[in-house]
Structures are given as structure tokens and as C-alpha cells.
Amino acid sequence: MIIEKEEILPGIYRIAFEVPLSFIDEAQPGRFIQLEVSHDSFPVTRRPFTISSTSGNSVEIIFEVVGRGTEILAETDEGRSLRLLGPLGCGYRLNPGKWLLIGGGLGAAGFPGLAARTECDLLLLGASSRDKLLTIPGLETAAITEDGSSGRNGLITDLLETVLWDSFGSIALCGPVPMMKAVIEMMPLQARANTQVSAEARMGCGWGACEGCSVPKAGGGFLKCCSDGPVFPADSIDWERWEGIH
């Protein structure tokens, strides 16, 4: 059941669902849910959403309205019950030590829960404009936007020039594939080895049966985003092939 809904930025919503405590126990940062969004005149299949955070017996997602399905979800009233499948997939390995989070646009939607469970020291954010930046209160943040509305103009890779990579034992990265590939290519080899990538792909079933969410695997073959991931070690992905299909 939807217990809270808020438009946190223009066209970007946060929704909290009441769920069983057994769900919360399994809702590791980086895992996702499949949500059945329905409408009398527009039935649609389940849609995948990253778990943004959990609190008590509620789970939150953050999403942008990009089509009819997410438009219907944004219009759904509090108190309405929806069918939810999850938690699904493999989340982040919650390693000890300091973490660096790097998010492009809505790629940062899964970071609040991760920041709450780790020793997060710095958040780097990039987006097209200021009204697409998903900040996390209380966390040291550096932000940049393509239009300069954040106070700094450029791409997220511009923020990497001053990063002290040896200060971080773990790095989390999420965003569009070309952006993530560019970030990976700028990292020292050791930082790349410590990086976990939260991948995004079109998912059908959510548990590996339909093979519609394949991610090219380093060395050949494919990984299933929904069951092998969506969080992968950065060096397990063939970035050239993956960028080529996006």
C-alpha cells in the first residue's frame, strides 16, 4: 500500500510503500522491485524500480515520469494497494571502509539506502540541470550540470580530476552507460577494481527467465541484469560492447 507520495523535483517522485518486515530484512541496497502498475484503460507489465531506502516497515522508490506507465504511478493516490514483487537481484557488497558514490541523473536514486548502510565520505552528482540532481541531506556532495545551473558547468567526469582515489575502499557507480564508461576509463586500475556498478536494463520477468536484460560480459557472453546483478563488479562488464548497444 502507498503510504506516502511526494514530487521531490519537477517530474520526479518519491513513493513509500508499506511492506512486511520480512521484505525489509531482504532489501539490501542495490536490489530492486517489480511493481505492477495498472489502469482500467492501460494495463502494463511490472516495471523495475531500484530500492531507494527502507525505514521501519516501508520501502521507498524514486522515479521520473518518462512514459504512460510512470505517469499512472505518479497519479496513484496514497492508500492504494499495488502488487509488488521483490526484493529481487543482487545488491552491493557492503564492504567496510570509506565509500565514494558517483551518480548520473536518476542513477543516484538507489544511493540513500546505500549511504545509510556504509561509511559514505563523498557523493559526486552530475545531471543535465539542477532540477534533476538527487542530493542526499547531510552528505558531502559535489555537483555539476550540463547547463551550469548547479553553479558549475560540465560533465561528471570533470569532478574526477581532484578525487583522491586511494582514500576510498569502495566506489559505487550508477547512471547512463556512456557516462559510466567514461568514469571507469578515468579511474586508476585499483579504483576500478574497487568499483561496483548498478546497471540498468529493460527487464521483463525480473528473475532471469526471459533473458531480455542482458549485459555484455568481459571475456565474452552475457550477464543477466536482473539475476546476476543489477550490481556488478565494474571489471566484469565489457564496456565497449555495452556502450555499442545503447
C-alpha atoms as a PDB file:
ATOM      1  CA  MET A   1       0.000   0.000   0.000  1.00  0.00           C
ATOM      2  CA  ILE A   2       1.182   3.519  -0.817  1.00  0.00           C
ATOM      3  CA  ILE A   3       1.631   5.367   2.468  1.00  0.00           C
ATOM      4  CA  GLU A   4       3.381   8.475   1.172  1.00  0.00           C
ATOM      5  CA  LYS A   5       3.888  10.194  -2.173  1.00  0.00           C
ATOM      6  CA  GLU A   6       5.850  13.360  -2.911  1.00  0.00           C
ATOM      7  CA  GLU A   7       7.055  15.205  -6.006  1.00  0.00           C
ATOM      8  CA  ILE A   8      10.602  15.976  -4.867  1.00  0.00           C
ATOM      9  CA  LEU A   9      11.730  17.624  -8.127  1.00  0.00           C
ATOM     10  CA  PRO A  10       9.792  18.566 -11.268  1.00  0.00           C
ATOM     11  CA  GLY A  11       8.524  15.275 -12.700  1.00  0.00           C
ATOM     12  CA  ILE A  12      10.453  13.210 -10.134  1.00  0.00           C
ATOM     13  CA  TYR A  13       8.559  11.406  -7.386  1.00  0.00           C
ATOM     14  CA  ARG A  14       9.300   9.589  -4.158  1.00  0.00           C
ATOM     15  CA  ILE A  15       6.800   6.916  -3.138  1.00  0.00           C
ATOM     16  CA  ALA A  16       6.835   4.920   0.094  1.00  0.00           C
ATOM     17  CA  PHE A  17       5.083   1.542   0.317  1.00  0.00           C
ATOM     18  CA  GLU A  18       4.097  -0.346   3.434  1.00  0.00           C
ATOM     19  CA  VAL A  19       5.587  -3.840   3.211  1.00  0.00           C
ATOM     20  CA  PRO A  20       6.076  -6.846   5.538  1.00  0.00           C
ATOM     21  CA  LEU A  21       9.087  -6.721   7.844  1.00  0.00           C
ATOM     22  CA  SER A  22      10.399  -9.851   6.122  1.00  0.00           C
ATOM     23  CA  PHE A  23      10.729  -7.738   2.960  1.00  0.00           C
ATOM     24  CA  ILE A  24      12.781  -5.116   4.809  1.00  0.00           C
ATOM     25  CA  ASP A  25      15.151  -7.800   6.092  1.00  0.00           C
ATOM     26  CA  GLU A  26      15.994  -8.737   2.483  1.00  0.00           C
ATOM     27  CA  ALA A  27      16.045  -5.233   0.990  1.00  0.00           C
ATOM     28  CA  GLN A  28      19.796  -4.843   0.622  1.00  0.00           C
ATOM     29  CA  PRO A  29      20.938  -1.621  -1.112  1.00  0.00           C
ATOM     30  CA  GLY A  30      21.155  -2.159  -4.848  1.00  0.00           C
ATOM     31  CA  ARG A  31      18.310  -4.685  -5.080  1.00  0.00           C
ATOM     32  CA  PHE A  32      15.085  -3.804  -6.884  1.00  0.00           C
ATOM     33  CA  ILE A  33      11.362  -4.438  -7.033  1.00  0.00           C
ATOM     34  CA  GLN A  34       8.991  -5.210  -9.876  1.00  0.00           C
ATOM     35  CA  LEU A  35       5.881  -3.078  -9.441  1.00  0.00           C
ATOM     36  CA  GLU A  36       2.594  -3.816 -11.163  1.00  0.00           C
ATOM     37  CA  VAL A  37       1.245  -0.506 -12.408  1.00  0.00           C
ATOM     38  CA  SER A  38      -2.273  -0.856 -13.757  1.00  0.00           C
ATOM     39  CA  HIS A  39      -5.069   1.298 -15.079  1.00  0.00           C
ATOM     40  CA  ASP A  40      -8.506   0.434 -16.395  1.00  0.00           C
ATOM     41  CA  SER A  41      -7.653   1.574 -19.909  1.00  0.00           C
ATOM     42  CA  PHE A  42      -3.897   0.947 -19.834  1.00  0.00           C
ATOM     43  CA  PRO A  43      -2.761  -2.303 -18.243  1.00  0.00           C
ATOM     44  CA  VAL A  44       1.018  -2.682 -18.283  1.00  0.00           C
ATOM     45  CA  THR A  45       3.516  -5.284 -17.156  1.00  0.00           C
ATOM     46  CA  ARG A  46       5.510  -4.958 -13.965  1.00  0.00           C
ATOM     47  CA  ARG A  47       8.140  -2.220 -14.009  1.00  0.00           C
ATOM     48  CA  PRO A  48      11.535  -2.451 -12.247  1.00  0.00           C
ATOM     49  CA  PHE A  49      12.455   0.207  -9.678  1.00  0.00           C
ATOM     50  CA  THR A  50      15.610   0.433  -7.608  1.00  0.00           C
ATOM     51  CA  ILE A  51      15.039   0.324  -3.861  1.00  0.00           C
ATOM     52  CA  SER A  52      15.983   3.812  -2.756  1.00  0.00           C
ATOM     53  CA  SER A  53      15.799   3.278   1.001  1.00  0.00           C
ATOM     54  CA  THR A  54      13.933   1.478   3.770  1.00  0.00           C
ATOM     55  CA  SER A  55      12.619   2.645   7.131  1.00  0.00           C
ATOM     56  CA  GLY A  56      10.592   0.676   9.660  1.00  0.00           C
ATOM     57  CA  ASN A  57       8.141  -1.330   7.570  1.00  0.00           C
ATOM     58  CA  SER A  58       8.277   0.886   4.479  1.00  0.00           C
ATOM     59  CA  VAL A  59      10.310   0.837   1.294  1.00  0.00           C
ATOM     60  CA  GLU A  60      10.843   3.880  -0.927  1.00  0.00           C
ATOM     61  CA  ILE A  61      11.451   4.285  -4.632  1.00  0.00           C
ATOM     62  CA  ILE A  62      12.379   7.395  -6.609  1.00  0.00           C
ATOM     63  CA  PHE A  63      11.433   7.649 -10.268  1.00  0.00           C
ATOM     64  CA  GLU A  64      10.962  10.121 -13.094  1.00  0.00           C
ATOM     65  CA  VAL A  65       7.829  10.313 -15.215  1.00  0.00           C
ATOM     66  CA  VAL A  66       9.051   9.232 -18.646  1.00  0.00           C
ATOM     67  CA  GLY A  67       6.059   7.429 -20.139  1.00  0.00           C
ATOM     68  CA  ARG A  68       2.464   6.408 -19.591  1.00  0.00           C
ATOM     69  CA  GLY A  69       3.300   3.742 -17.008  1.00  0.00           C
ATOM     70  CA  THR A  70       5.253   6.058 -14.708  1.00  0.00           C
ATOM     71  CA  GLU A  71       2.674   8.779 -15.323  1.00  0.00           C
ATOM     72  CA  ILE A  72      -0.043   6.467 -13.976  1.00  0.00           C
ATOM     73  CA  LEU A  73       2.134   5.596 -10.981  1.00  0.00           C
ATOM     74  CA  ALA A  74       2.690   9.294 -10.217  1.00  0.00           C
ATOM     75  CA  GLU A  75      -1.079   9.836 -10.320  1.00  0.00           C
ATOM     76  CA  THR A  76      -1.863   6.918  -7.990  1.00  0.00           C
ATOM     77  CA  ASP A  77      -3.265   8.094  -4.665  1.00  0.00           C
ATOM     78  CA  GLU A  78      -1.960   7.346  -1.196  1.00  0.00           C
ATOM     79  CA  GLY A  79      -3.825   4.429   0.353  1.00  0.00           C
ATOM     80  CA  ARG A  80      -3.934   2.496  -2.925  1.00  0.00           C
ATOM     81  CA  SER A  81      -2.569  -1.053  -2.856  1.00  0.00           C
ATOM     82  CA  LEU A  82      -0.332  -2.242  -5.687  1.00  0.00           C
ATOM     83  CA  ARG A  83       1.218  -5.647  -6.282  1.00  0.00           C
ATOM     84  CA  LEU A  84       4.940  -5.642  -5.668  1.00  0.00           C
ATOM     85  CA  LEU A  85       7.452  -8.403  -6.382  1.00  0.00           C
ATOM     86  CA  GLY A  86      10.787  -8.434  -4.590  1.00  0.00           C
ATOM     87  CA  PRO A  87      13.321  -7.750  -3.354  1.00  0.00           C
ATOM     88  CA  LEU A  88      14.994  -9.076  -6.493  1.00  0.00           C
ATOM     89  CA  GLY A  89      18.531  -9.274  -7.816  1.00  0.00           C
ATOM     90  CA  CYS A  90      21.937  -8.936  -6.199  1.00  0.00           C
ATOM     91  CA  GLY A  91      22.805  -5.761  -4.305  1.00  0.00           C
ATOM     92  CA  TYR A  92      26.011  -4.074  -3.218  1.00  0.00           C
ATOM     93  CA  ARG A  93      28.655  -5.868  -1.220  1.00  0.00           C
ATOM     94  CA  LEU A  94      28.662  -3.688   1.886  1.00  0.00           C
ATOM     95  CA  ASN A  95      32.408  -3.592   2.415  1.00  0.00           C
ATOM     96  CA  PRO A  96      33.880  -1.771   5.416  1.00  0.00           C
ATOM     97  CA  GLY A  97      35.856   1.424   4.903  1.00  0.00           C
ATOM     98  CA  LYS A  98      35.124   4.707   3.162  1.00  0.00           C
ATOM     99  CA  TRP A  99      32.827   4.834   0.157  1.00  0.00           C
ATOM    100  CA  LEU A 100      32.637   7.184  -2.817  1.00  0.00           C
ATOM    101  CA  LEU A 101      29.275   7.391  -4.601  1.00  0.00           C
ATOM    102  CA  ILE A 102      29.125   8.594  -8.228  1.00  0.00           C
ATOM    103  CA  GLY A 103      25.691   9.131  -9.774  1.00  0.00           C
ATOM    104  CA  GLY A 104      24.473  10.457 -13.085  1.00  0.00           C
ATOM    105  CA  GLY A 105      20.918  11.792 -13.116  1.00  0.00           C
ATOM    106  CA  LEU A 106      18.393   9.318 -11.717  1.00  0.00           C
ATOM    107  CA  GLY A 107      21.262   6.877 -11.262  1.00  0.00           C
ATOM    108  CA  ALA A 108      21.541   8.305  -7.753  1.00  0.00           C
ATOM    109  CA  ALA A 109      18.046   7.034  -6.847  1.00  0.00           C
ATOM    110  CA  GLY A 110      19.452   3.969  -5.096  1.00  0.00           C
ATOM    111  CA  PHE A 111      22.100   5.831  -3.095  1.00  0.00           C
ATOM    112  CA  PRO A 112      20.140   6.968   0.017  1.00  0.00           C
ATOM    113  CA  GLY A 113      19.876   3.433   1.374  1.00  0.00           C
ATOM    114  CA  LEU A 114      23.482   2.656   0.483  1.00  0.00           C
ATOM    115  CA  ALA A 115      24.747   5.818   2.188  1.00  0.00           C
ATOM    116  CA  ALA A 116      22.790   4.895   5.319  1.00  0.00           C
ATOM    117  CA  ARG A 117      24.407   1.448   5.498  1.00  0.00           C
ATOM    118  CA  THR A 118      28.031   2.381   4.735  1.00  0.00           C
ATOM    119  CA  GLU A 119      30.711   4.886   5.686  1.00  0.00           C
ATOM    120  CA  CYS A 120      29.992   7.192   2.789  1.00  0.00           C
ATOM    121  CA  ASP A 121      32.517  10.026   2.591  1.00  0.00           C
ATOM    122  CA  LEU A 122      31.618  11.804  -0.657  1.00  0.00           C
ATOM    123  CA  LEU A 123      28.840  11.945  -3.261  1.00  0.00           C
ATOM    124  CA  LEU A 124      29.533  13.133  -6.807  1.00  0.00           C
ATOM    125  CA  LEU A 125      26.479  14.049  -8.869  1.00  0.00           C
ATOM    126  CA  GLY A 126      26.005  15.002 -12.498  1.00  0.00           C
ATOM    127  CA  ALA A 127      22.825  15.856 -14.373  1.00  0.00           C
ATOM    128  CA  SER A 128      21.506  17.893 -17.266  1.00  0.00           C
ATOM    129  CA  SER A 129      20.178  20.611 -14.948  1.00  0.00           C
ATOM    130  CA  ARG A 130      19.796  21.455 -11.270  1.00  0.00           C
ATOM    131  CA  ASP A 131      16.202  20.199 -11.128  1.00  0.00           C
ATOM    132  CA  LYS A 132      17.460  16.682 -11.915  1.00  0.00           C
ATOM    133  CA  LEU A 133      20.006  16.460  -9.075  1.00  0.00           C
ATOM    134  CA  LEU A 134      19.109  13.937  -6.379  1.00  0.00           C
ATOM    135  CA  THR A 135      21.029  15.132  -3.353  1.00  0.00           C
ATOM    136  CA  ILE A 136      21.253  13.287  -0.017  1.00  0.00           C
ATOM    137  CA  PRO A 137      20.904  15.549   3.044  1.00  0.00           C
ATOM    138  CA  GLY A 138      23.875  15.544   5.385  1.00  0.00           C
ATOM    139  CA  LEU A 139      26.285  14.024   2.883  1.00  0.00           C
ATOM    140  CA  GLU A 140      29.252  15.942   1.458  1.00  0.00           C
ATOM    141  CA  THR A 141      28.348  16.471  -2.182  1.00  0.00           C
ATOM    142  CA  ALA A 142      29.936  17.902  -5.311  1.00  0.00           C
ATOM    143  CA  ALA A 143      27.526  18.513  -8.187  1.00  0.00           C
ATOM    144  CA  ILE A 144      27.831  19.578 -11.787  1.00  0.00           C
ATOM    145  CA  THR A 145      25.288  20.120 -14.545  1.00  0.00           C
ATOM    146  CA  GLU A 146      25.459  20.414 -18.296  1.00  0.00           C
ATOM    147  CA  ASP A 147      23.662  23.768 -18.249  1.00  0.00           C
ATOM    148  CA  GLY A 148      25.610  25.182 -15.294  1.00  0.00           C
ATOM    149  CA  SER A 149      22.503  25.683 -13.137  1.00  0.00           C
ATOM    150  CA  SER A 150      24.192  23.852 -10.230  1.00  0.00           C
ATOM    151  CA  GLY A 151      26.881  26.533 -10.125  1.00  0.00           C
ATOM    152  CA  ARG A 152      29.340  24.522 -12.172  1.00  0.00           C
ATOM    153  CA  ASN A 153      29.080  23.735 -15.865  1.00  0.00           C
ATOM    154  CA  GLY A 154      30.309  20.474 -17.359  1.00  0.00           C
ATOM    155  CA  LEU A 155      30.150  16.694 -17.120  1.00  0.00           C
ATOM    156  CA  ILE A 156      30.579  14.483 -14.097  1.00  0.00           C
ATOM    157  CA  THR A 157      33.973  13.400 -15.384  1.00  0.00           C
ATOM    158  CA  ASP A 158      35.150  16.955 -14.693  1.00  0.00           C
ATOM    159  CA  LEU A 159      34.628  16.269 -10.980  1.00  0.00           C
ATOM    160  CA  LEU A 160      37.005  13.314 -11.058  1.00  0.00           C
ATOM    161  CA  GLU A 161      40.147  15.350 -11.652  1.00  0.00           C
ATOM    162  CA  THR A 162      40.602  16.129  -7.948  1.00  0.00           C
ATOM    163  CA  VAL A 163      39.398  12.825  -6.457  1.00  0.00           C
ATOM    164  CA  LEU A 164      41.867  11.195  -4.068  1.00  0.00           C
ATOM    165  CA  TRP A 165      41.162   7.657  -5.204  1.00  0.00           C
ATOM    166  CA  ASP A 166      43.327   5.997  -2.549  1.00  0.00           C
ATOM    167  CA  SER A 167      41.047   7.471   0.132  1.00  0.00           C
ATOM    168  CA  PHE A 168      38.195   5.141  -0.795  1.00  0.00           C
ATOM    169  CA  GLY A 169      37.995   1.417  -0.259  1.00  0.00           C
ATOM    170  CA  SER A 170      34.758   1.083  -2.253  1.00  0.00           C
ATOM    171  CA  ILE A 171      33.133   3.029  -5.067  1.00  0.00           C
ATOM    172  CA  ALA A 172      29.510   2.813  -6.208  1.00  0.00           C
ATOM    173  CA  LEU A 173      28.651   3.981  -9.719  1.00  0.00           C
ATOM    174  CA  CYS A 174      25.269   4.332 -11.425  1.00  0.00           C
ATOM    175  CA  GLY A 175      23.967   6.286 -14.411  1.00  0.00           C
ATOM    176  CA  PRO A 176      23.697   6.138 -18.206  1.00  0.00           C
ATOM    177  CA  VAL A 177      26.057   3.637 -19.814  1.00  0.00           C
ATOM    178  CA  PRO A 178      28.189   6.195 -21.743  1.00  0.00           C
ATOM    179  CA  MET A 179      28.617   8.227 -18.549  1.00  0.00           C
ATOM    180  CA  MET A 180      29.639   5.174 -16.508  1.00  0.00           C
ATOM    181  CA  LYS A 181      32.081   4.030 -19.200  1.00  0.00           C
ATOM    182  CA  ALA A 182      33.708   7.479 -19.248  1.00  0.00           C
ATOM    183  CA  VAL A 183      34.047   7.432 -15.452  1.00  0.00           C
ATOM    184  CA  ILE A 184      35.543   3.933 -15.471  1.00  0.00           C
ATOM    185  CA  GLU A 185      38.105   4.947 -18.097  1.00  0.00           C
ATOM    186  CA  MET A 186      39.300   7.843 -15.928  1.00  0.00           C
ATOM    187  CA  MET A 187      39.825   5.701 -12.834  1.00  0.00           C
ATOM    188  CA  PRO A 188      43.165   4.243 -11.778  1.00  0.00           C
ATOM    189  CA  LEU A 189      43.216   0.463 -12.065  1.00  0.00           C
ATOM    190  CA  GLN A 190      42.959  -0.126  -8.315  1.00  0.00           C
ATOM    191  CA  ALA A 191      39.931   2.182  -8.024  1.00  0.00           C
ATOM    192  CA  ARG A 192      38.290   0.350 -10.919  1.00  0.00           C
ATOM    193  CA  ALA A 193      38.823  -2.946  -9.115  1.00  0.00           C
ATOM    194  CA  ASN A 194      37.024  -1.498  -6.074  1.00  0.00           C
ATOM    195  CA  THR A 195      34.043  -0.221  -8.075  1.00  0.00           C
ATOM    196  CA  GLN A 196      30.577  -1.746  -8.060  1.00  0.00           C
ATOM    197  CA  VAL A 197      28.243  -0.735 -10.874  1.00  0.00           C
ATOM    198  CA  SER A 198      24.461  -0.639 -10.576  1.00  0.00           C
ATOM    199  CA  ALA A 199      23.287  -1.473 -14.084  1.00  0.00           C
ATOM    200  CA  GLU A 200      20.044  -0.511 -15.760  1.00  0.00           C
ATOM    201  CA  ALA A 201      18.398  -2.597 -18.471  1.00  0.00           C
ATOM    202  CA  ARG A 202      14.923  -3.316 -19.793  1.00  0.00           C
ATOM    203  CA  MET A 203      13.562  -6.121 -17.650  1.00  0.00           C
ATOM    204  CA  GLY A 204      10.649  -8.381 -18.417  1.00  0.00           C
ATOM    205  CA  CYS A 205      10.300 -11.117 -15.807  1.00  0.00           C
ATOM    206  CA  GLY A 206      12.720  -9.868 -13.146  1.00  0.00           C
ATOM    207  CA  TRP A 207      14.257 -13.241 -12.229  1.00  0.00           C
ATOM    208  CA  GLY A 208      16.320 -14.356 -15.227  1.00  0.00           C
ATOM    209  CA  ALA A 209      13.879 -16.390 -17.293  1.00  0.00           C
ATOM    210  CA  CYS A 210      13.265 -14.133 -20.292  1.00  0.00           C
ATOM    211  CA  GLU A 211      16.901 -13.029 -20.844  1.00  0.00           C
ATOM    212  CA  GLY A 212      15.714  -9.630 -22.023  1.00  0.00           C
ATOM    213  CA  CYS A 213      18.085  -7.630 -19.828  1.00  0.00           C
ATOM    214  CA  SER A 214      21.458  -8.962 -20.941  1.00  0.00           C
ATOM    215  CA  VAL A 215      24.647  -7.047 -20.152  1.00  0.00           C
ATOM    216  CA  PRO A 216      27.803  -7.910 -22.170  1.00  0.00           C
ATOM    217  CA  LYS A 217      30.281  -9.811 -20.020  1.00  0.00           C
ATOM    218  CA  ALA A 218      34.015  -9.198 -20.055  1.00  0.00           C
ATOM    219  CA  GLY A 219      35.658 -12.083 -21.872  1.00  0.00           C
ATOM    220  CA  GLY A 220      32.523 -12.933 -23.836  1.00  0.00           C
ATOM    221  CA  GLY A 221      28.958 -13.945 -23.224  1.00  0.00           C
ATOM    222  CA  PHE A 222      26.352 -12.068 -21.253  1.00  0.00           C
ATOM    223  CA  LEU A 223      25.220 -11.392 -17.712  1.00  0.00           C
ATOM    224  CA  LYS A 224      21.567 -11.151 -16.717  1.00  0.00           C
ATOM    225  CA  CYS A 225      20.963  -7.754 -15.179  1.00  0.00           C
ATOM    226  CA  CYS A 226      18.021  -8.940 -13.075  1.00  0.00           C
ATOM    227  CA  SER A 227      19.536 -12.069 -11.534  1.00  0.00           C
ATOM    228  CA  ASP A 228      23.328 -11.768 -11.871  1.00  0.00           C
ATOM    229  CA  GLY A 229      23.002  -8.074 -10.987  1.00  0.00           C
ATOM    230  CA  PRO A 230      21.836  -5.398 -11.145  1.00  0.00           C
ATOM    231  CA  VAL A 231      25.006  -4.632  -9.146  1.00  0.00           C
ATOM    232  CA  PHE A 232      28.189  -5.938 -10.789  1.00  0.00           C
ATOM    233  CA  PRO A 233      31.920  -5.526 -10.268  1.00  0.00           C
ATOM    234  CA  ALA A 234      32.951  -2.900 -12.817  1.00  0.00           C
ATOM    235  CA  ASP A 235      35.594  -5.155 -14.345  1.00  0.00           C
ATOM    236  CA  SER A 236      33.056  -7.926 -15.059  1.00  0.00           C
ATOM    237  CA  ILE A 237      31.442  -5.839 -17.835  1.00  0.00           C
ATOM    238  CA  ASP A 238      32.569  -5.453 -21.449  1.00  0.00           C
ATOM    239  CA  TRP A 239      32.143  -1.689 -21.620  1.00  0.00           C
ATOM    240  CA  GLU A 240      32.861  -1.345 -25.345  1.00  0.00           C
ATOM    241  CA  ARG A 241      30.161  -3.827 -26.294  1.00  0.00           C
ATOM    242  CA  TRP A 242      27.703  -2.413 -23.767  1.00  0.00           C
ATOM    243  CA  GLU A 243      28.108   1.135 -24.997  1.00  0.00           C
ATOM    244  CA  GLY A 244      27.689  -0.110 -28.563  1.00  0.00           C
ATOM    245  CA  ILE A 245      24.163  -1.377 -27.899  1.00  0.00           C
ATOM    246  CA  HIS A 246      22.996   1.838 -26.178  1.00  0.00           C
END
